[in-house]
């Protein structure tokens, strides 16, 4: 009687252990699949960025992207519903890098104006060498050709620079006869215009020189008149 009772009592525990083991095996199967899906999506996004940067939005197709990653169009559609979805993802990826870059520069503990300069220098290097950045910039210039709304351009850059420039004004590094927001808007306008002209006219070959010239003029104009 006791042995029967013991066997009966052990059954729920055995069942729970079996379910736990099955769940663990299922999780082990799911995790690699999820990881592969993330990597595949990243490959597709990188290929799309390369083609958008090279040919622009109108002359890019999902078939081009699929061919670049040696996949079927159906496999690409599994991750992105259409070309607009790809374009949005490229631009969103670009904008997620800006806050992270700012935090990395801030970690150097530079003064506010030096932080602005270092951040802009870093951004120029990324525009020159990072195809995701190049593609996003081109897509933003072609936004009227895209049937979906892209993330709002430039404003986040302006807002974050304005905070730094306001701090620089408080420390006497930057002129105060113009608002920090106006100064930030001027910086961003000049920077994006500079990189766009370099891209269109010279395939960015002169971008570093063009930025050096622009930076010299801009930051000389930012400093207090008595400096």
Protein backbone atom coordinates (compact mmCIF):
# COMPACT_ATOMS: atom_id res chain seq x y z
CA UNK A 1 0.00 0.00 0.00
CA UNK A 2 2.76 2.37 0.88
CA UNK A 3 4.69 1.48 -2.26
CA UNK A 4 1.62 2.22 -4.43
CA UNK A 5 1.09 5.52 -2.69
CA UNK A 6 4.74 6.43 -3.20
CA UNK A 7 4.55 5.60 -6.92
CA UNK A 8 1.39 7.68 -7.34
CA UNK A 9 2.94 10.59 -5.51
CA UNK A 10 6.00 10.47 -7.72
CA UNK A 11 4.02 10.68 -10.97
CA UNK A 12 3.29 14.46 -10.88
CA UNK A 13 6.94 15.15 -10.10
CA UNK A 14 8.02 12.94 -13.00
CA UNK A 15 5.55 14.64 -15.33
CA UNK A 16 6.78 18.08 -14.30
CA UNK A 17 10.38 17.03 -14.90
CA UNK A 18 9.44 15.72 -18.33
CA UNK A 19 7.69 18.96 -19.24
CA UNK A 20 10.66 20.98 -17.99
CA UNK A 21 13.03 18.93 -20.11
CA UNK A 22 10.83 19.36 -23.20
CA UNK A 23 10.62 23.11 -22.58
CA UNK A 24 14.39 23.35 -22.23
CA UNK A 25 14.89 21.45 -25.49
CA UNK A 26 12.35 23.70 -27.22
CA UNK A 27 14.10 26.82 -25.91
CA UNK A 28 17.41 25.47 -27.16
CA UNK A 29 15.87 25.05 -30.62
CA UNK A 30 14.14 28.44 -30.62
CA UNK A 31 17.12 30.54 -29.53
CA UNK A 32 19.40 29.60 -32.48
CA UNK A 33 16.49 30.19 -34.86
CA UNK A 34 15.87 33.63 -33.39
CA UNK A 35 19.58 34.43 -33.56
CA UNK A 36 19.71 33.33 -37.19
CA UNK A 37 16.68 35.47 -37.96
CA UNK A 38 18.33 38.53 -36.40
CA UNK A 39 21.54 37.92 -38.36
CA UNK A 40 19.63 37.35 -41.60
CA UNK A 41 17.68 40.57 -41.12
CA UNK A 42 20.93 42.45 -40.49
CA UNK A 43 22.44 41.00 -43.69
CA UNK A 44 19.43 42.09 -45.72
CA UNK A 45 19.49 45.55 -44.18
CA UNK A 46 23.19 45.97 -44.91
CA UNK A 47 22.70 44.88 -48.53
CA UNK A 48 19.78 47.27 -48.92
CA UNK A 49 21.88 50.11 -47.52
CA UNK A 50 24.64 49.38 -50.02
CA UNK A 51 22.23 49.46 -52.96
CA UNK A 52 20.31 52.52 -51.72
CA UNK A 53 23.63 54.36 -51.32
CA UNK A 54 24.80 53.31 -54.78
CA UNK A 55 21.62 53.74 -56.81
CA UNK A 56 19.08 55.63 -54.71
CA UNK A 57 15.54 54.68 -53.82
CA UNK A 58 13.92 54.73 -57.29
CA UNK A 59 16.47 52.38 -58.85
CA UNK A 60 16.53 49.87 -56.01
CA UNK A 61 14.25 46.82 -55.93
CA UNK A 62 13.71 43.96 -53.50
CA UNK A 63 14.96 41.65 -56.24
CA UNK A 64 18.27 43.58 -56.21
CA UNK A 65 18.53 43.18 -52.46
CA UNK A 66 17.68 39.47 -52.60
CA UNK A 67 20.33 38.91 -55.26
CA UNK A 68 22.94 40.79 -53.21
CA UNK A 69 22.44 38.43 -50.25
CA UNK A 70 21.85 35.34 -52.42
CA UNK A 71 18.32 34.82 -51.12
CA UNK A 72 14.87 34.51 -52.66
CA UNK A 73 12.51 37.48 -52.72
CA UNK A 74 10.20 35.48 -50.49
CA UNK A 75 12.93 35.22 -47.85
CA UNK A 76 13.40 38.98 -47.97
CA UNK A 77 9.64 39.54 -47.71
CA UNK A 78 9.64 37.44 -44.54
CA UNK A 79 11.69 40.19 -42.85
CA UNK A 80 10.54 43.32 -44.74
CA UNK A 81 7.10 43.75 -46.26
CA UNK A 82 8.23 46.02 -49.12
CA UNK A 83 10.90 48.45 -50.31
CA UNK A 84 9.48 51.27 -48.18
CA UNK A 85 9.84 49.08 -45.10
CA UNK A 86 13.50 48.56 -45.97
CA UNK A 87 14.07 52.27 -46.49
CA UNK A 88 12.49 53.11 -43.14
CA UNK A 89 14.62 50.49 -41.38
CA UNK A 90 17.83 51.89 -42.90
CA UNK A 91 17.01 55.43 -41.79
CA UNK A 92 15.93 54.28 -38.31
CA UNK A 93 19.19 52.35 -37.91
CA UNK A 94 21.12 55.49 -38.77
CA UNK A 95 19.27 57.62 -36.23
CA UNK A 96 19.75 55.10 -33.41
CA UNK A 97 23.52 55.59 -33.74
CA UNK A 98 23.47 59.30 -32.96
CA UNK A 99 22.58 59.09 -29.22
CA UNK A 100 25.10 56.27 -28.70
CA UNK A 101 27.84 58.28 -30.45
CA UNK A 102 27.06 61.29 -28.28
CA UNK A 103 27.36 59.22 -25.09
CA UNK A 104 30.71 57.80 -26.22
CA UNK A 105 32.05 61.29 -26.90
CA UNK A 106 30.70 62.57 -23.57
CA UNK A 107 32.59 59.78 -21.81
CA UNK A 108 35.81 61.57 -22.81
CA UNK A 109 34.89 64.35 -20.36
CA UNK A 110 35.63 67.15 -22.79
CA UNK A 111 34.33 70.67 -22.33
CA UNK A 112 30.99 71.39 -24.10
CA UNK A 113 32.42 73.05 -27.22
CA UNK A 114 35.11 70.38 -27.64
CA UNK A 115 32.38 67.76 -27.29
CA UNK A 116 30.46 69.36 -30.17
CA UNK A 117 33.58 69.47 -32.34
CA UNK A 118 34.54 65.87 -31.55
CA UNK A 119 31.00 64.68 -32.24
CA UNK A 120 30.85 66.46 -35.59
CA UNK A 121 34.29 65.14 -36.56
CA UNK A 122 33.19 61.63 -35.73
CA UNK A 123 29.99 62.07 -37.72
CA UNK A 124 31.98 63.25 -40.75
CA UNK A 125 34.11 60.11 -40.60
CA UNK A 126 31.00 57.94 -40.45
CA UNK A 127 29.49 59.71 -43.45
CA UNK A 128 32.67 58.95 -45.35
CA UNK A 129 33.09 55.30 -44.40
CA UNK A 130 29.75 53.88 -43.24
CA UNK A 131 27.38 52.81 -46.01
CA UNK A 132 24.40 52.71 -43.63
CA UNK A 133 24.93 56.39 -42.89
CA UNK A 134 25.39 57.22 -46.56
CA UNK A 135 22.25 55.33 -47.53
CA UNK A 136 20.16 57.02 -44.84
CA UNK A 137 21.34 60.46 -45.92
CA UNK A 138 20.48 59.71 -49.53
CA UNK A 139 17.07 58.32 -48.61
CA UNK A 140 16.27 61.43 -46.60
CA UNK A 141 17.09 63.58 -49.64
CA UNK A 142 14.75 61.38 -51.71
CA UNK A 143 11.96 61.26 -49.11
CA UNK A 144 9.45 62.81 -51.54
CA UNK A 145 9.81 59.68 -53.71
CA UNK A 146 9.05 57.29 -50.85
CA UNK A 147 5.42 56.41 -50.18
CA UNK A 148 5.87 56.00 -46.43
CA UNK A 149 6.86 58.50 -43.76
CA UNK A 150 10.52 58.38 -42.84
CA UNK A 151 11.66 59.42 -39.35
CA UNK A 152 11.76 63.18 -38.97
CA UNK A 153 15.22 64.27 -40.09
CA UNK A 154 17.70 66.56 -38.33
CA UNK A 155 15.57 67.68 -35.38
CA UNK A 156 17.05 65.27 -32.86
CA UNK A 157 20.54 66.32 -33.95
CA UNK A 158 19.62 69.98 -33.54
CA UNK A 159 18.07 69.43 -30.08
CA UNK A 160 21.07 67.53 -28.73
CA UNK A 161 23.60 70.00 -30.12
CA UNK A 162 21.57 72.87 -28.69
CA UNK A 163 21.96 71.42 -25.19
CA UNK A 164 25.74 71.23 -25.61
CA UNK A 165 25.93 74.70 -27.12
CA UNK A 166 23.86 76.17 -24.28
CA UNK A 167 26.37 74.68 -21.84
CA UNK A 168 29.19 76.15 -23.92
CA UNK A 169 27.50 79.56 -23.74
CA UNK A 170 27.32 79.31 -19.95
CA UNK A 171 31.06 78.64 -19.87
CA UNK A 172 31.84 81.59 -22.13
CA UNK A 173 32.98 79.41 -25.03
CA UNK A 174 30.25 80.42 -27.48
CA UNK A 175 28.65 83.74 -28.37
CA UNK A 176 25.36 84.53 -26.64
CA UNK A 177 23.80 86.99 -29.07
CA UNK A 178 22.20 84.03 -30.87
CA UNK A 179 20.22 81.26 -29.22
CA UNK A 180 21.77 77.82 -28.78
CA UNK A 181 18.94 76.39 -30.91
CA UNK A 182 19.71 78.79 -33.78
CA UNK A 183 23.43 77.98 -33.57
CA UNK A 184 22.70 74.25 -33.57
CA UNK A 185 20.38 74.58 -36.57
CA UNK A 186 23.09 76.47 -38.47
CA UNK A 187 25.70 73.82 -37.65
CA UNK A 188 23.51 70.94 -38.77
CA UNK A 189 22.41 72.77 -41.93
CA UNK A 190 26.01 73.49 -42.89
CA UNK A 191 27.18 69.97 -42.11
CA UNK A 192 24.48 68.17 -44.06
CA UNK A 193 24.80 70.56 -46.97
CA UNK A 194 28.56 70.01 -46.99
CA UNK A 195 28.34 66.23 -47.05
CA UNK A 196 25.58 66.24 -49.68
CA UNK A 197 27.52 68.44 -52.09
CA UNK A 198 30.67 66.36 -51.58
CA UNK A 199 28.68 63.19 -52.25
CA UNK A 200 26.96 64.48 -55.39
CA UNK A 201 29.89 66.28 -56.98
CA UNK A 202 32.91 64.26 -55.89
CA UNK A 203 31.68 60.93 -54.51
CA UNK A 204 32.89 62.09 -51.07
CA UNK A 205 36.54 62.08 -52.17
CA UNK A 206 36.94 65.66 -50.94
CA UNK A 207 34.63 65.37 -47.95
CA UNK A 208 37.36 65.55 -45.26
CA UNK A 209 38.78 68.72 -46.82
CA UNK A 210 35.35 70.25 -47.27
CA UNK A 211 34.54 69.55 -43.61
CA UNK A 212 37.84 71.00 -42.43
CA UNK A 213 37.07 74.22 -44.33
CA UNK A 214 33.47 74.34 -43.11
CA UNK A 215 34.48 73.63 -39.52
CA UNK A 216 37.10 76.39 -39.55
CA UNK A 217 34.57 78.97 -40.63
CA UNK A 218 31.70 77.75 -38.46
CA UNK A 219 33.52 77.46 -35.17
CA UNK A 220 35.39 80.71 -35.66
CA UNK A 221 31.97 82.34 -36.00
CA UNK A 222 30.66 80.60 -32.88
CA UNK A 223 33.23 82.00 -30.52
CA UNK A 224 32.52 85.18 -28.53
CA UNK A 225 33.40 88.35 -30.37
CA UNK A 226 36.06 89.24 -27.81
CA UNK A 227 37.77 85.82 -28.07
